[in-house]
């Protein structure tokens, strides 16, 4: 107990210390929200990765999908790395940084308002962010409850309040730079922690080969492969179609999430984009791949305590039970690992929510002549508000909110992904197409929550994103175009010439 408590105390002290250390960089709106757009590749890459993976992934998703699909669930982690990290950086990173700086855009709703010359789009987008990030924020605490029950005598409620309070303090004091620097520290913990945990769990099962052999002997209870031995060690698992839906939602979804895209707004330069791409991809392979790979062995730990009164599997119990037999030092590392994953994502979400509400809804709409000091004060107050609301929901989550948490990614990415992606590359996107994407993304995911015409809410989110990618170009072709001169002025940022070193680009030889 002493070791575990000591690790927690050191962890919390470092987090607060970082907030005070960088507080001078949060004295302006740009500094507070984007770190002055001077954040280097390591901090940006780790901020991207730690915002991506939280306790929801480590405890909830890894346990649930590992149980359902076996070792094939590792494809989810690899999809997160290749699509959610590598391609996101390659396709969105540079263009996002260039256009958002050119437009002087600080948030995703701000981008929609400026790119499509529509104040209404900006306001509605900010409301969508507010509505769907709050329940997602509350969900971050859920993965901690069973781990703390396993490792400490500390009530879950105390853990939630302490974690939320400490996160709020360092974000309020240091803004984006405090979040980025803490994300880097927390990312290091996550990298080493997940490797140590995977090795320890497999050693407890007689090593990797023995664990795979035992897993292969378990017959499948999934309808499509019922009774089939070896299904949980097969290449595509027990249900390839639904596995693909999970890969799409958890990987492509990052392209439309404001807390993820915001990391590209703040990056410093070209070299930072290239280096950050590699770092972020490697981080995702280790952390996400490791989480889902670990969850794939969940069936080896089948136990009556994993089932509810109705006989259904309690997925959130699987990973904590797998870890319960580890040595105290490793359990302490796991606690810090999950806290790191949750606090990094929580800080990113509350900063995104508060900045969006302040800059895109309150400023110039509800409060006029709002100077920088008032904007900073408003954002800090809203951080407290968002943390408070998320704690209230997490302490006693109603069924409706629990359902809403599961569709937050689908709703946000379904609404935002297509108009943001096309808006960076194509001059022909129209306002009507953006409205159509908002309506389709929110409409599909929310209506499905009540009508359940798509069996899996995860597949519903994936379909919402795919629908947006089709709807935006189709509607853009048949609706009135935006003013050509305005569009040209927006895209001229890509044509500006810059001087770079030869090691980054070879000079073209002049023809003789």
Protein backbone atom coordinates (compact mmCIF):
# COMPACT_ATOMS: atom_id res chain seq x y z
CA UNK A 1 0.00 0.00 0.00
CA UNK A 2 2.86 2.37 0.84
CA UNK A 3 4.46 1.84 -2.60
CA UNK A 4 1.19 2.46 -4.42
CA UNK A 5 0.38 5.60 -2.42
CA UNK A 6 3.93 6.92 -2.87
CA UNK A 7 3.68 6.53 -6.66
CA UNK A 8 0.37 8.42 -6.64
CA UNK A 9 1.72 11.27 -4.49
CA UNK A 10 4.80 11.69 -6.73
CA UNK A 11 2.60 11.59 -9.83
CA UNK A 12 0.22 14.28 -8.57
CA UNK A 13 3.08 16.49 -7.33
CA UNK A 14 4.75 16.43 -10.76
CA UNK A 15 1.49 17.30 -12.53
CA UNK A 16 0.91 20.35 -10.32
CA UNK A 17 4.57 21.38 -10.54
CA UNK A 18 4.39 21.46 -14.33
CA UNK A 19 1.33 23.72 -14.19
CA UNK A 20 3.15 26.28 -12.06
CA UNK A 21 6.34 25.97 -14.14
CA UNK A 22 4.67 27.06 -17.43
CA UNK A 23 2.09 29.46 -16.00
CA UNK A 24 3.79 32.48 -17.64
CA UNK A 25 2.99 31.03 -21.08
CA UNK A 26 -0.76 31.15 -20.39
CA UNK A 27 -1.01 34.94 -20.10
CA UNK A 28 -2.61 35.42 -23.56
CA UNK A 29 -5.50 33.71 -25.34
CA UNK A 30 -3.18 32.23 -27.99
CA UNK A 31 -0.80 31.04 -25.29
CA UNK A 32 -3.56 29.56 -23.14
CA UNK A 33 -5.40 27.79 -25.99
CA UNK A 34 -2.57 26.91 -28.44
CA UNK A 35 0.71 27.43 -26.58
CA UNK A 36 1.45 30.34 -28.94
CA UNK A 37 1.59 27.89 -31.90
CA UNK A 38 5.20 27.09 -30.95
CA UNK A 39 4.86 23.54 -29.62
CA UNK A 40 7.54 21.10 -30.81
CA UNK A 41 7.12 17.62 -32.30
CA UNK A 42 7.61 15.52 -29.17
CA UNK A 43 5.13 17.46 -27.07
CA UNK A 44 2.58 17.63 -29.89
CA UNK A 45 2.89 13.93 -30.75
CA UNK A 46 2.53 12.85 -27.14
CA UNK A 47 -0.34 15.30 -26.60
CA UNK A 48 -2.09 13.77 -29.62
CA UNK A 49 -1.50 10.20 -28.40
CA UNK A 50 -2.42 10.72 -24.76
CA UNK A 51 -5.60 12.59 -25.74
CA UNK A 52 -6.44 9.65 -28.01
CA UNK A 53 -6.07 6.83 -25.49
CA UNK A 54 -7.70 6.99 -22.05
CA UNK A 55 -9.01 4.64 -19.38
CA UNK A 56 -11.96 4.01 -21.70
CA UNK A 57 -9.56 2.23 -24.06
CA UNK A 58 -7.37 0.50 -21.47
CA UNK A 59 -10.16 -0.80 -19.22
CA UNK A 60 -13.38 -0.67 -21.26
CA UNK A 61 -12.63 -1.18 -24.94
CA UNK A 62 -9.64 -3.52 -24.46
CA UNK A 63 -11.68 -5.76 -22.18
CA UNK A 64 -14.84 -5.69 -24.27
CA UNK A 65 -13.35 -6.22 -27.71
CA UNK A 66 -10.62 -8.55 -26.50
CA UNK A 67 -13.34 -10.76 -25.02
CA UNK A 68 -15.41 -10.63 -28.23
CA UNK A 69 -12.71 -10.97 -30.89
CA UNK A 70 -9.71 -12.49 -29.10
CA UNK A 71 -6.24 -11.65 -30.40
CA UNK A 72 -7.78 -10.18 -33.57
CA UNK A 73 -8.73 -7.16 -31.43
CA UNK A 74 -5.07 -6.13 -31.89
CA UNK A 75 -6.17 -4.95 -35.36
CA UNK A 76 -8.02 -2.13 -33.59
CA UNK A 77 -4.77 -0.90 -32.07
CA UNK A 78 -2.94 -1.18 -35.38
CA UNK A 79 -5.80 0.65 -37.11
CA UNK A 80 -5.55 3.39 -34.51
CA UNK A 81 -1.83 3.70 -35.27
CA UNK A 82 -2.00 3.61 -39.09
CA UNK A 83 -5.29 5.46 -39.73
CA UNK A 84 -5.91 7.38 -36.53
CA UNK A 85 -2.32 8.58 -36.13
CA UNK A 86 -0.12 8.16 -39.23
CA UNK A 87 -2.68 9.11 -41.90
CA UNK A 88 -4.22 11.79 -39.69
CA UNK A 89 -0.85 13.52 -39.42
CA UNK A 90 0.02 13.07 -43.10
CA UNK A 91 -3.34 14.20 -44.50
CA UNK A 92 -4.46 16.77 -41.92
CA UNK A 93 -1.39 17.93 -39.98
CA UNK A 94 0.36 20.38 -42.30
CA UNK A 95 -2.75 21.74 -44.02
CA UNK A 96 -4.56 22.27 -40.71
CA UNK A 97 -1.62 24.24 -39.31
CA UNK A 98 -1.31 26.41 -42.45
CA UNK A 99 -4.98 27.24 -43.00
CA UNK A 100 -5.92 27.77 -39.34
CA UNK A 101 -3.04 30.19 -38.89
CA UNK A 102 -4.00 31.99 -42.10
CA UNK A 103 -7.61 32.30 -40.90
CA UNK A 104 -6.50 33.09 -37.33
CA UNK A 105 -8.68 30.19 -36.20
CA UNK A 106 -8.22 28.79 -32.69
CA UNK A 107 -10.92 26.12 -32.48
CA UNK A 108 -12.74 23.75 -34.84
CA UNK A 109 -16.07 25.69 -34.69
CA UNK A 110 -14.05 28.84 -35.39
CA UNK A 111 -12.62 27.11 -38.47
CA UNK A 112 -16.12 26.28 -39.77
CA UNK A 113 -17.27 29.86 -39.21
CA UNK A 114 -14.28 31.41 -41.00
CA UNK A 115 -13.77 28.80 -43.74
CA UNK A 116 -17.44 28.80 -44.75
CA UNK A 117 -18.15 32.45 -43.89
CA UNK A 118 -21.00 31.55 -41.54
CA UNK A 119 -21.51 32.73 -37.97
CA UNK A 120 -24.42 30.29 -37.60
CA UNK A 121 -22.20 27.31 -38.45
CA UNK A 122 -19.71 28.43 -35.82
CA UNK A 123 -22.39 28.71 -33.11
CA UNK A 124 -24.04 25.37 -33.91
CA UNK A 125 -20.68 23.59 -34.07
CA UNK A 126 -19.76 24.99 -30.63
CA UNK A 127 -23.06 23.68 -29.22
CA UNK A 128 -22.38 20.24 -30.71
CA UNK A 129 -18.95 20.23 -29.06
CA UNK A 130 -20.45 21.25 -25.72
CA UNK A 131 -23.24 18.66 -25.79
CA UNK A 132 -21.15 15.68 -26.84
CA UNK A 133 -17.85 16.34 -25.05
CA UNK A 134 -19.43 16.61 -21.59
CA UNK A 135 -20.64 12.97 -21.42
CA UNK A 136 -17.41 11.80 -23.05
CA UNK A 137 -15.51 13.64 -20.32
CA UNK A 138 -17.59 11.91 -17.65
CA UNK A 139 -16.86 8.50 -19.17
CA UNK A 140 -13.14 8.90 -18.43
CA UNK A 141 -13.72 8.26 -14.74
CA UNK A 142 -15.52 4.96 -15.24
CA UNK A 143 -12.41 2.97 -16.01
CA UNK A 144 -10.85 4.02 -12.72
CA UNK A 145 -13.51 2.74 -10.34
CA UNK A 146 -12.74 -0.98 -10.42
CA UNK A 147 -8.98 -0.45 -10.48
CA UNK A 148 -9.12 1.66 -7.34
CA UNK A 149 -11.45 -0.82 -5.67
CA UNK A 150 -8.88 -3.53 -6.49
CA UNK A 151 -5.79 -1.65 -5.38
CA UNK A 152 -6.88 0.68 -2.54
CA UNK A 153 -9.40 1.11 0.22
CA UNK A 154 -10.03 4.60 -1.18
CA UNK A 155 -13.66 5.08 -2.31
CA UNK A 156 -14.15 5.64 -6.02
CA UNK A 157 -15.88 8.97 -5.32
CA UNK A 158 -12.77 10.35 -3.60
CA UNK A 159 -10.59 9.25 -6.52
CA UNK A 160 -12.85 10.99 -9.04
CA UNK A 161 -12.93 14.26 -7.10
CA UNK A 162 -9.16 14.34 -6.47
CA UNK A 163 -8.31 13.49 -10.08
CA UNK A 164 -10.73 16.12 -11.44
CA UNK A 165 -9.55 18.82 -9.03
CA UNK A 166 -5.85 18.29 -9.79
CA UNK A 167 -6.47 18.26 -13.55
CA UNK A 168 -8.49 21.48 -13.31
CA UNK A 169 -5.76 23.20 -11.27
CA UNK A 170 -2.89 22.55 -13.68
CA UNK A 171 -4.96 23.35 -16.77
CA UNK A 172 -6.26 26.60 -15.24
CA UNK A 173 -2.76 27.67 -14.23
CA UNK A 174 -0.74 26.61 -17.27
CA UNK A 175 -3.24 26.22 -20.14
CA UNK A 176 -2.19 24.31 -23.25
CA UNK A 177 1.52 24.18 -22.41
CA UNK A 178 0.82 22.63 -19.01
CA UNK A 179 -1.41 20.09 -20.72
CA UNK A 180 1.19 19.35 -23.42
CA UNK A 181 4.10 18.99 -21.01
CA UNK A 182 2.09 16.83 -18.64
CA UNK A 183 0.90 14.77 -21.62
CA UNK A 184 4.55 14.11 -22.48
CA UNK A 185 5.30 12.88 -18.94
CA UNK A 186 2.09 10.86 -18.83
CA UNK A 187 2.87 9.42 -22.26
CA UNK A 188 6.24 8.13 -21.08
CA UNK A 189 4.48 6.44 -18.17
CA UNK A 190 1.94 4.90 -20.55
CA UNK A 191 4.63 3.56 -22.90
CA UNK A 192 6.68 1.81 -20.23
CA UNK A 193 3.62 0.84 -18.19
CA UNK A 194 1.77 -1.00 -20.95
CA UNK A 195 4.89 -2.97 -21.96
CA UNK A 196 5.54 -4.00 -18.34
CA UNK A 197 1.92 -5.03 -17.79
CA UNK A 198 1.69 -7.12 -21.00
CA UNK A 199 4.93 -8.95 -20.18
CA UNK A 200 3.86 -9.59 -16.57
CA UNK A 201 0.38 -10.88 -17.50
CA UNK A 202 1.74 -13.26 -20.15
CA UNK A 203 4.43 -14.54 -17.78
CA UNK A 204 1.67 -15.34 -15.32
CA UNK A 205 0.09 -17.55 -18.00
CA UNK A 206 3.27 -19.50 -18.69
CA UNK A 207 4.60 -17.23 -21.42
CA UNK A 208 3.29 -16.04 -24.78
CA UNK A 209 3.21 -19.38 -26.61
CA UNK A 210 1.46 -21.18 -23.77
CA UNK A 211 -1.09 -18.38 -23.42
CA UNK A 212 -1.87 -18.54 -27.16
CA UNK A 213 -2.18 -22.33 -27.01
CA UNK A 214 -4.65 -22.17 -24.12
CA UNK A 215 -6.64 -19.40 -25.82
CA UNK A 216 -6.88 -21.48 -29.01
CA UNK A 217 -8.53 -24.31 -27.07
CA UNK A 218 -11.45 -22.13 -25.93
CA UNK A 219 -14.49 -22.69 -28.20
CA UNK A 220 -16.24 -19.63 -29.57
CA UNK A 221 -19.65 -18.61 -28.18
CA UNK A 222 -20.25 -16.03 -30.93
CA UNK A 223 -23.13 -16.92 -33.27
CA UNK A 224 -21.11 -16.85 -36.50
CA UNK A 225 -18.38 -19.15 -35.16
CA UNK A 226 -20.16 -20.91 -32.30
CA UNK A 227 -18.30 -23.95 -30.99
CA UNK A 228 -15.31 -23.39 -33.28
CA UNK A 229 -11.95 -23.89 -31.51
CA UNK A 230 -9.16 -21.48 -32.35
CA UNK A 231 -11.55 -18.64 -33.22
CA UNK A 232 -10.03 -16.36 -30.58
CA UNK A 233 -6.54 -16.77 -32.04
CA UNK A 234 -7.57 -16.55 -35.71
CA UNK A 235 -6.42 -13.76 -38.02
CA UNK A 236 -9.73 -11.84 -38.14
CA UNK A 237 -11.36 -13.25 -35.01
CA UNK A 238 -14.94 -14.29 -34.48
CA UNK A 239 -16.78 -11.40 -36.18
CA UNK A 240 -14.75 -9.60 -38.88
CA UNK A 241 -17.59 -7.28 -39.98
CA UNK A 242 -18.17 -5.75 -36.53
CA UNK A 243 -14.42 -5.72 -35.87
CA UNK A 244 -14.02 -3.59 -39.00
CA UNK A 245 -16.68 -1.18 -37.69
CA UNK A 246 -14.74 -0.75 -34.44
CA UNK A 247 -11.51 -0.09 -36.37
CA UNK A 248 -13.23 2.58 -38.50
CA UNK A 249 -14.87 4.40 -35.58
CA UNK A 250 -11.87 4.39 -33.25
CA UNK A 251 -9.37 5.20 -36.03
CA UNK A 252 -11.05 7.48 -38.57
CA UNK A 253 -12.98 9.15 -35.76
CA UNK A 254 -9.91 11.11 -34.61
CA UNK A 255 -10.03 13.05 -37.88
CA UNK A 256 -13.20 14.81 -36.76
CA UNK A 257 -12.68 15.23 -33.00
CA UNK A 258 -11.96 18.84 -31.98
CA UNK A 259 -9.67 17.89 -29.08
CA UNK A 260 -7.50 15.87 -31.49
CA UNK A 261 -7.43 18.28 -34.44
CA UNK A 262 -6.58 21.13 -32.07
CA UNK A 263 -3.12 19.61 -31.61
CA UNK A 264 -2.30 20.43 -35.24
CA UNK A 265 -3.24 24.10 -34.69
CA UNK A 266 -0.44 24.48 -32.16
CA UNK A 267 2.48 22.72 -33.87
CA UNK A 268 5.55 24.85 -34.60
CA UNK A 269 6.99 24.11 -38.06
CA UNK A 270 7.51 21.67 -40.94
CA UNK A 271 10.14 19.63 -39.14
CA UNK A 272 7.80 19.28 -36.18
CA UNK A 273 5.09 17.86 -38.46
CA UNK A 274 7.43 15.25 -39.97
CA UNK A 275 8.98 14.20 -36.66
CA UNK A 276 5.63 14.27 -34.86
CA UNK A 277 4.12 11.93 -37.45
CA UNK A 278 6.67 9.22 -36.66
CA UNK A 279 6.55 9.68 -32.88
CA UNK A 280 2.76 9.68 -32.76
CA UNK A 281 2.52 6.51 -34.88
CA UNK A 282 5.05 4.59 -32.77
CA UNK A 283 3.29 5.74 -29.59
CA UNK A 284 -0.06 4.46 -30.90
CA UNK A 285 1.40 1.09 -31.95
CA UNK A 286 2.82 0.50 -28.46
CA UNK A 287 0.00 1.91 -26.33
CA UNK A 288 -3.13 1.09 -28.33
CA UNK A 289 -1.72 -2.10 -29.85
CA UNK A 290 -0.54 -3.18 -26.39
CA UNK A 291 -3.92 -2.48 -24.77
CA UNK A 292 -5.95 -4.48 -27.29
CA UNK A 293 -3.33 -7.24 -27.46
CA UNK A 294 -3.57 -7.58 -23.67
CA UNK A 295 -7.38 -7.58 -23.81
CA UNK A 296 -7.24 -10.39 -26.38
CA UNK A 297 -6.18 -12.80 -23.61
CA UNK A 298 -9.16 -11.90 -21.44
CA UNK A 299 -10.88 -15.29 -21.92
CA UNK A 300 -8.01 -16.98 -20.07
CA UNK A 301 -9.19 -15.19 -16.93
CA UNK A 302 -12.83 -16.31 -17.11
CA UNK A 303 -14.29 -16.13 -13.61
CA UNK A 304 -17.77 -15.92 -12.00
CA UNK A 305 -16.94 -12.43 -10.71
CA UNK A 306 -16.92 -11.17 -14.31
CA UNK A 307 -20.65 -11.83 -14.76
CA UNK A 308 -23.65 -9.82 -13.64
CA UNK A 309 -26.81 -11.18 -11.99
CA UNK A 310 -28.41 -11.70 -15.42
CA UNK A 311 -25.44 -13.74 -16.65
CA UNK A 312 -24.05 -11.02 -18.94
CA UNK A 313 -20.33 -10.24 -18.99
CA UNK A 314 -19.27 -7.08 -17.14
CA UNK A 315 -16.64 -5.93 -19.64
CA UNK A 316 -15.18 -3.24 -17.37
CA UNK A 317 -14.24 -5.96 -14.88
CA UNK A 318 -12.10 -8.03 -17.27
CA UNK A 319 -8.88 -6.02 -17.38
CA UNK A 320 -8.90 -5.14 -13.63
CA UNK A 321 -9.33 -8.84 -12.83
CA UNK A 322 -6.46 -9.73 -15.17
CA UNK A 323 -4.25 -7.28 -13.27
CA UNK A 324 -5.35 -8.22 -9.75
CA UNK A 325 -2.69 -10.92 -9.35
CA UNK A 326 0.24 -8.69 -10.32
CA UNK A 327 2.88 -7.62 -7.73
CA UNK A 328 2.13 -4.41 -5.78
CA UNK A 329 4.74 -2.40 -7.68
CA UNK A 330 3.16 -3.30 -11.02
CA UNK A 331 -0.35 -2.59 -9.71
CA UNK A 332 0.93 0.82 -8.63
CA UNK A 333 2.31 1.37 -12.12
CA UNK A 334 -1.03 0.32 -13.62
CA UNK A 335 -2.89 2.81 -11.42
CA UNK A 336 -0.54 5.60 -12.50
CA UNK A 337 -0.81 4.40 -16.11
CA UNK A 338 -4.61 4.60 -16.13
CA UNK A 339 -4.58 7.89 -14.22
CA UNK A 340 -2.14 9.26 -16.80
CA UNK A 341 -4.33 8.14 -19.68
CA UNK A 342 -7.45 9.60 -18.08
CA UNK A 343 -6.01 12.90 -16.83
CA UNK A 344 -4.32 13.66 -20.16
CA UNK A 345 -7.56 13.11 -22.07
CA UNK A 346 -9.59 14.97 -19.43
CA UNK A 347 -7.32 18.03 -19.60
CA UNK A 348 -7.57 18.09 -23.39
CA UNK A 349 -11.36 17.80 -23.33
CA UNK A 350 -12.00 20.52 -20.74
CA UNK A 351 -9.57 22.90 -22.47
CA UNK A 352 -11.27 22.25 -25.81
CA UNK A 353 -14.77 22.68 -24.35
CA UNK A 354 -13.97 25.89 -22.42
CA UNK A 355 -12.10 27.56 -25.29
CA UNK A 356 -14.83 26.63 -27.79
CA UNK A 357 -17.64 27.98 -25.60
CA UNK A 358 -15.74 31.18 -24.80
CA UNK A 359 -14.38 32.04 -28.25
CA UNK A 360 -17.18 30.69 -30.45
CA UNK A 361 -20.37 31.17 -28.45
CA UNK A 362 -19.96 33.71 -25.64
CA UNK A 363 -17.56 36.18 -27.27
CA UNK A 364 -19.32 38.59 -29.68
CA UNK A 365 -22.62 36.70 -29.31
CA UNK A 366 -23.53 36.87 -25.62
CA UNK A 367 -20.82 39.27 -24.44
CA UNK A 368 -19.49 42.08 -26.64
CA UNK A 369 -16.15 43.91 -26.30
CA UNK A 370 -14.56 40.93 -24.56
CA UNK A 371 -10.85 41.69 -24.15
CA UNK A 372 -8.14 39.05 -23.64
CA UNK A 373 -8.28 39.26 -19.84
CA UNK A 374 -12.02 38.61 -19.83
CA UNK A 375 -11.64 35.76 -22.33
CA UNK A 376 -8.99 34.08 -20.17
CA UNK A 377 -11.12 34.53 -17.06
CA UNK A 378 -14.16 33.08 -18.81
CA UNK A 379 -12.21 30.04 -20.04
CA UNK A 380 -10.87 29.33 -16.56
CA UNK A 381 -14.34 29.59 -15.03
CA UNK A 382 -15.72 27.25 -17.70
CA UNK A 383 -12.95 24.71 -17.02
CA UNK A 384 -14.19 24.53 -13.43
CA UNK A 385 -17.77 24.25 -14.69
CA UNK A 386 -17.01 21.44 -17.15
CA UNK A 387 -14.99 19.49 -14.59
CA UNK A 388 -17.76 19.93 -12.00
CA UNK A 389 -20.50 18.73 -14.38
CA UNK A 390 -18.42 15.72 -15.50
CA UNK A 391 -17.81 14.74 -11.85
CA UNK A 392 -21.52 14.97 -11.04
CA UNK A 393 -22.35 12.72 -14.01
CA UNK A 394 -19.52 10.29 -13.20
CA UNK A 395 -20.58 9.89 -9.56
CA UNK A 396 -24.11 8.85 -10.50
CA UNK A 397 -24.37 8.24 -14.26
CA UNK A 398 -27.99 7.90 -15.49
CA UNK A 399 -28.75 5.37 -18.23
CA UNK A 400 -29.33 8.03 -20.87
CA UNK A 401 -25.95 9.62 -20.24
CA UNK A 402 -24.27 6.22 -20.24
CA UNK A 403 -25.72 5.61 -23.71
CA UNK A 404 -24.76 9.09 -24.85
CA UNK A 405 -21.14 8.50 -23.82
CA UNK A 406 -20.94 5.57 -26.21
CA UNK A 407 -22.04 7.63 -29.21
CA UNK A 408 -20.06 10.82 -28.51
CA UNK A 409 -17.27 9.86 -30.92
CA UNK A 410 -19.72 8.87 -33.64
CA UNK A 411 -21.76 12.07 -33.31
CA UNK A 412 -18.81 14.46 -33.25
CA UNK A 413 -16.80 12.75 -35.99
CA UNK A 414 -19.92 12.07 -38.07
CA UNK A 415 -20.78 15.79 -38.04
CA UNK A 416 -17.30 17.32 -38.35
CA UNK A 417 -14.99 14.93 -40.21
CA UNK A 418 -16.20 15.42 -43.79
CA UNK A 419 -16.60 19.24 -43.84
CA UNK A 420 -13.26 19.68 -42.08
CA UNK A 421 -11.33 17.28 -44.33
CA UNK A 422 -12.87 18.48 -47.59
CA UNK A 423 -12.61 22.08 -46.39
CA UNK A 424 -8.82 21.80 -46.22
CA UNK A 425 -8.46 20.46 -49.77
CA UNK A 426 -11.45 21.42 -51.93
CA UNK A 427 -12.65 24.91 -52.78
CA UNK A 428 -16.03 23.59 -53.90
CA UNK A 429 -17.52 22.71 -50.47
CA UNK A 430 -20.71 24.71 -49.83
CA UNK A 431 -22.41 25.89 -46.65
CA UNK A 432 -25.39 23.66 -47.39
CA UNK A 433 -23.10 20.63 -47.53
CA UNK A 434 -21.68 21.46 -44.09
CA UNK A 435 -25.20 21.78 -42.64
CA UNK A 436 -26.12 18.47 -44.26
CA UNK A 437 -23.09 16.78 -42.68
CA UNK A 438 -23.96 18.20 -39.25
CA UNK A 439 -27.54 16.95 -39.61
CA UNK A 440 -26.54 13.50 -40.86
CA UNK A 441 -23.83 12.91 -38.26
CA UNK A 442 -25.94 13.93 -35.28
CA UNK A 443 -29.16 12.52 -36.76
CA UNK A 444 -27.84 9.02 -37.45
CA UNK A 445 -26.09 8.50 -34.13
CA UNK A 446 -28.74 10.06 -31.87
CA UNK A 447 -31.77 8.53 -33.62
CA UNK A 448 -30.11 5.12 -33.55
CA UNK A 449 -29.70 5.44 -29.79
CA UNK A 450 -33.50 5.44 -29.46
CA UNK A 451 -34.68 3.45 -32.49
CA UNK A 452 -31.75 0.97 -32.63
CA UNK A 453 -32.11 0.33 -36.38
CA UNK A 454 -28.34 -0.33 -36.46
CA UNK A 455 -27.54 -3.08 -33.95
CA UNK A 456 -24.19 -1.71 -32.80
CA UNK A 457 -23.85 1.98 -31.79
CA UNK A 458 -20.21 1.71 -32.85
CA UNK A 459 -21.24 0.68 -36.36
CA UNK A 460 -23.76 3.53 -36.32
CA UNK A 461 -20.92 5.97 -35.64
CA UNK A 462 -18.84 4.47 -38.45
CA UNK A 463 -21.81 4.74 -40.85
CA UNK A 464 -22.37 8.38 -39.80
CA UNK A 465 -18.77 9.22 -40.73
CA UNK A 466 -19.02 7.37 -44.05
CA UNK A 467 -22.33 9.13 -44.79
CA UNK A 468 -20.72 12.53 -44.28
CA UNK A 469 -17.90 11.70 -46.68
CA UNK A 470 -20.51 10.98 -49.37
CA UNK A 471 -23.05 13.69 -48.48
CA UNK A 472 -20.64 16.66 -48.51
CA UNK A 473 -19.40 16.30 -52.13
CA UNK A 474 -22.86 15.36 -53.44
CA UNK A 475 -24.64 18.30 -51.78
CA UNK A 476 -21.77 20.64 -52.74
CA UNK A 477 -22.27 19.82 -56.42
CA UNK A 478 -25.97 20.76 -56.41
CA UNK A 479 -26.06 23.77 -54.06
CA UNK A 480 -24.94 27.42 -54.56
CA UNK A 481 -21.17 27.93 -54.44
CA UNK A 482 -19.41 30.34 -52.11
CA UNK A 483 -17.98 33.63 -53.36
CA UNK A 484 -15.00 32.74 -55.56
CA UNK A 485 -12.80 35.63 -54.43
CA UNK A 486 -13.26 34.74 -50.75
CA UNK A 487 -12.41 31.10 -51.40
CA UNK A 488 -9.32 32.04 -53.39
CA UNK A 489 -8.13 34.30 -50.56
CA UNK A 490 -8.56 31.43 -48.08
CA UNK A 491 -6.60 28.94 -50.19
CA UNK A 492 -3.83 31.35 -51.15
CA UNK A 493 -2.03 30.37 -47.94
CA UNK A 494 -1.02 27.09 -49.59
CA UNK A 495 0.65 28.90 -52.51
CA UNK A 496 2.95 31.10 -50.45
CA UNK A 497 6.59 30.33 -51.23
CA UNK A 498 9.00 29.48 -48.41
CA UNK A 499 12.73 28.78 -48.24
CA UNK A 500 13.78 25.41 -46.82
CA UNK A 501 17.03 23.51 -46.49
CA UNK A 502 18.10 21.01 -49.16
CA UNK A 503 17.95 18.12 -46.70
CA UNK A 504 14.17 18.57 -46.69
CA UNK A 505 13.66 19.20 -50.42
CA UNK A 506 16.00 18.93 -53.42
CA UNK A 507 16.34 22.00 -55.59
CA UNK A 508 15.00 21.62 -59.12
CA UNK A 509 17.74 22.15 -61.72
CA UNK A 510 17.11 24.86 -64.28
CA UNK A 511 16.88 23.72 -67.90
CA UNK A 512 19.90 24.71 -70.02
